[in-house]
Amino acid sequence: MFFPEGAVRVHLYGRPVDMRKSFNGLHALARHGVGQDPLSGHLFVFINRRATQMKVLYWDRSGFCIWAKRLESGRFVSDWSKAVSRETDWTGLKLLLEGIEPGCIRRRFALPEK
């Protein structure tokens, strides 16, 4: 599904999540942990303790969908002690998926030497 970039709200959960959770577990975290309605159409981002896996939960008018990404190297979050639950935008999510921590501007892995 494609989202109009200006209309998408992204909620990043600021604590590590067990990646064995599926629709019901992530729904409960979105409702109680983030404090938002999962049926709103917003994106809810969850990252595991090692910060190598991410799941994104959203409602698309007919049911819940989950996107998942697992890194082969590097991490999504460099330091969990500094992570907080917060709202970001579509651009912030794209940066996070590419390995750039918003507000930190640091890559999660070193680029190869030329």
C-alpha atoms as a PDB file:
ATOM      1  CA  MET A   1       0.000   0.000   0.000  1.00  0.00           C
ATOM      2  CA  PHE A   2       1.219   3.519  -0.759  1.00  0.00           C
ATOM      3  CA  PHE A   3       0.693   6.396   1.648  1.00  0.00           C
ATOM      4  CA  PRO A   4       0.488  10.102   0.897  1.00  0.00           C
ATOM      5  CA  GLU A   5       3.633  11.257   2.671  1.00  0.00           C
ATOM      6  CA  GLY A   6       2.143  14.321   4.324  1.00  0.00           C
ATOM      7  CA  ALA A   7      -0.797  12.453   5.858  1.00  0.00           C
ATOM      8  CA  VAL A   8       1.040   9.523   7.463  1.00  0.00           C
ATOM      9  CA  ARG A   9       1.709   9.555  11.193  1.00  0.00           C
ATOM     10  CA  VAL A  10       4.337   7.119  12.418  1.00  0.00           C
ATOM     11  CA  HIS A  11       4.539   6.087  16.069  1.00  0.00           C
ATOM     12  CA  LEU A  12       7.884   4.624  17.129  1.00  0.00           C
ATOM     13  CA  TYR A  13       7.722   2.434  20.251  1.00  0.00           C
ATOM     14  CA  GLY A  14      10.747   3.332  22.386  1.00  0.00           C
ATOM     15  CA  ARG A  15      11.347  -0.017  24.098  1.00  0.00           C
ATOM     16  CA  PRO A  16      12.578  -3.372  22.760  1.00  0.00           C
ATOM     17  CA  VAL A  17       9.843  -5.741  21.575  1.00  0.00           C
ATOM     18  CA  ASP A  18       9.789  -9.529  21.313  1.00  0.00           C
ATOM     19  CA  MET A  19       9.623 -10.168  17.558  1.00  0.00           C
ATOM     20  CA  ARG A  20       7.559 -13.324  18.124  1.00  0.00           C
ATOM     21  CA  LYS A  21       4.600 -10.989  18.625  1.00  0.00           C
ATOM     22  CA  SER A  22       2.195 -10.882  15.735  1.00  0.00           C
ATOM     23  CA  PHE A  23      -1.016  -8.977  15.046  1.00  0.00           C
ATOM     24  CA  ASN A  24      -2.661  -9.273  18.466  1.00  0.00           C
ATOM     25  CA  GLY A  25       0.480  -8.621  20.505  1.00  0.00           C
ATOM     26  CA  LEU A  26       1.503  -5.607  18.417  1.00  0.00           C
ATOM     27  CA  HIS A  27      -2.091  -4.321  18.489  1.00  0.00           C
ATOM     28  CA  ALA A  28      -2.003  -4.423  22.314  1.00  0.00           C
ATOM     29  CA  LEU A  29       1.351  -2.570  22.383  1.00  0.00           C
ATOM     30  CA  ALA A  30       0.014   0.096  20.024  1.00  0.00           C
ATOM     31  CA  ARG A  31      -3.104   0.608  22.149  1.00  0.00           C
ATOM     32  CA  HIS A  32      -1.566   0.431  25.625  1.00  0.00           C
ATOM     33  CA  GLY A  33       2.158   1.086  25.124  1.00  0.00           C
ATOM     34  CA  VAL A  34       1.919   3.903  22.589  1.00  0.00           C
ATOM     35  CA  GLY A  35      -1.543   5.036  23.689  1.00  0.00           C
ATOM     36  CA  GLN A  36      -2.977   5.328  20.180  1.00  0.00           C
ATOM     37  CA  ASP A  37      -5.832   3.632  18.344  1.00  0.00           C
ATOM     38  CA  PRO A  38      -4.398   0.951  16.023  1.00  0.00           C
ATOM     39  CA  LEU A  39      -7.469   1.282  13.766  1.00  0.00           C
ATOM     40  CA  SER A  40      -6.555   4.896  12.960  1.00  0.00           C
ATOM     41  CA  GLY A  41      -4.471   3.999   9.917  1.00  0.00           C
ATOM     42  CA  HIS A  42      -1.251   5.284  11.499  1.00  0.00           C
ATOM     43  CA  LEU A  43       1.945   3.232  11.316  1.00  0.00           C
ATOM     44  CA  PHE A  44       3.296   1.657  14.515  1.00  0.00           C
ATOM     45  CA  VAL A  45       6.998   0.739  14.497  1.00  0.00           C
ATOM     46  CA  PHE A  46       8.475  -1.888  16.836  1.00  0.00           C
ATOM     47  CA  ILE A  47      12.151  -2.902  17.084  1.00  0.00           C
ATOM     48  CA  ASN A  48      13.697  -5.931  18.812  1.00  0.00           C
ATOM     49  CA  ARG A  49      16.235  -5.816  21.670  1.00  0.00           C
ATOM     50  CA  ARG A  50      19.285  -6.294  19.429  1.00  0.00           C
ATOM     51  CA  ALA A  51      17.853  -3.610  17.104  1.00  0.00           C
ATOM     52  CA  THR A  52      18.315  -5.830  14.059  1.00  0.00           C
ATOM     53  CA  GLN A  53      14.635  -6.454  13.309  1.00  0.00           C
ATOM     54  CA  MET A  54      11.721  -4.091  12.812  1.00  0.00           C
ATOM     55  CA  LYS A  55       7.985  -4.657  12.396  1.00  0.00           C
ATOM     56  CA  VAL A  56       5.500  -2.031  11.263  1.00  0.00           C
ATOM     57  CA  LEU A  57       1.818  -2.567  12.060  1.00  0.00           C
ATOM     58  CA  TYR A  58      -0.971  -0.670  10.299  1.00  0.00           C
ATOM     59  CA  TRP A  59      -4.673  -0.930   9.508  1.00  0.00           C
ATOM     60  CA  ASP A  60      -5.630  -0.704   5.823  1.00  0.00           C
ATOM     61  CA  ARG A  61      -9.468  -0.532   6.009  1.00  0.00           C
ATOM     62  CA  SER A  62      -9.950  -4.301   5.700  1.00  0.00           C
ATOM     63  CA  GLY A  63      -7.455  -5.706   8.205  1.00  0.00           C
ATOM     64  CA  PHE A  64      -4.111  -5.360   9.883  1.00  0.00           C
ATOM     65  CA  CYS A  65      -0.877  -5.581   7.913  1.00  0.00           C
ATOM     66  CA  ILE A  66       2.656  -6.111   9.155  1.00  0.00           C
ATOM     67  CA  TRP A  67       5.844  -5.136   7.362  1.00  0.00           C
ATOM     68  CA  ALA A  68       9.036  -6.718   8.608  1.00  0.00           C
ATOM     69  CA  LYS A  69      12.697  -5.978   7.989  1.00  0.00           C
ATOM     70  CA  ARG A  70      15.743  -7.843   9.298  1.00  0.00           C
ATOM     71  CA  LEU A  71      19.210  -6.387   8.947  1.00  0.00           C
ATOM     72  CA  GLU A  72      22.133  -8.547   7.921  1.00  0.00           C
ATOM     73  CA  SER A  73      24.549  -6.070   9.511  1.00  0.00           C
ATOM     74  CA  GLY A  74      24.213  -2.978  11.647  1.00  0.00           C
ATOM     75  CA  ARG A  75      21.401  -1.834  13.925  1.00  0.00           C
ATOM     76  CA  PHE A  76      18.323   0.388  13.753  1.00  0.00           C
ATOM     77  CA  VAL A  77      18.937   1.872  17.214  1.00  0.00           C
ATOM     78  CA  SER A  78      22.437   2.578  18.510  1.00  0.00           C
ATOM     79  CA  ASP A  79      21.544   3.000  22.220  1.00  0.00           C
ATOM     80  CA  TRP A  80      18.282   1.835  23.834  1.00  0.00           C
ATOM     81  CA  SER A  81      18.873   4.048  26.881  1.00  0.00           C
ATOM     82  CA  LYS A  82      18.320   7.096  24.663  1.00  0.00           C
ATOM     83  CA  ALA A  83      15.316   5.671  22.787  1.00  0.00           C
ATOM     84  CA  VAL A  84      11.869   7.047  23.612  1.00  0.00           C
ATOM     85  CA  SER A  85       8.387   6.442  22.273  1.00  0.00           C
ATOM     86  CA  ARG A  86       7.641   9.283  19.909  1.00  0.00           C
ATOM     87  CA  GLU A  87       5.774  10.318  16.833  1.00  0.00           C
ATOM     88  CA  THR A  88       7.641  10.906  13.619  1.00  0.00           C
ATOM     89  CA  ASP A  89       6.694  11.281   9.975  1.00  0.00           C
ATOM     90  CA  TRP A  90       7.082   9.165   6.848  1.00  0.00           C
ATOM     91  CA  THR A  91      10.480  10.704   6.127  1.00  0.00           C
ATOM     92  CA  GLY A  92      11.716   9.789   9.622  1.00  0.00           C
ATOM     93  CA  LEU A  93      10.649   6.179   9.040  1.00  0.00           C
ATOM     94  CA  LYS A  94      12.402   6.091   5.672  1.00  0.00           C
ATOM     95  CA  LEU A  95      15.572   7.442   7.274  1.00  0.00           C
ATOM     96  CA  LEU A  96      15.370   4.821  10.028  1.00  0.00           C
ATOM     97  CA  LEU A  97      14.899   2.062   7.442  1.00  0.00           C
ATOM     98  CA  GLU A  98      18.003   3.311   5.620  1.00  0.00           C
ATOM     99  CA  GLY A  99      20.059   3.302   8.806  1.00  0.00           C
ATOM    100  CA  ILE A 100      20.021   6.972   9.692  1.00  0.00           C
ATOM    101  CA  GLU A 101      18.766   7.725  13.185  1.00  0.00           C
ATOM    102  CA  PRO A 102      16.698  10.939  13.012  1.00  0.00           C
ATOM    103  CA  GLY A 103      18.265  13.541  15.255  1.00  0.00           C
ATOM    104  CA  CYS A 104      21.524  11.634  15.322  1.00  0.00           C
ATOM    105  CA  ILE A 105      22.521  11.632  11.633  1.00  0.00           C
ATOM    106  CA  ARG A 106      24.752   8.587  11.992  1.00  0.00           C
ATOM    107  CA  ARG A 107      24.845   5.447   9.828  1.00  0.00           C
ATOM    108  CA  ARG A 108      24.274   2.112  11.542  1.00  0.00           C
ATOM    109  CA  PHE A 109      27.265   0.573   9.746  1.00  0.00           C
ATOM    110  CA  ALA A 110      30.513   1.744   8.219  1.00  0.00           C
ATOM    111  CA  LEU A 111      30.576   2.246   4.480  1.00  0.00           C
ATOM    112  CA  PRO A 112      33.192   0.182   2.599  1.00  0.00           C
ATOM    113  CA  GLU A 113      36.539   1.865   1.985  1.00  0.00           C
ATOM    114  CA  LYS A 114      37.248   2.895  -1.612  1.00  0.00           C
END
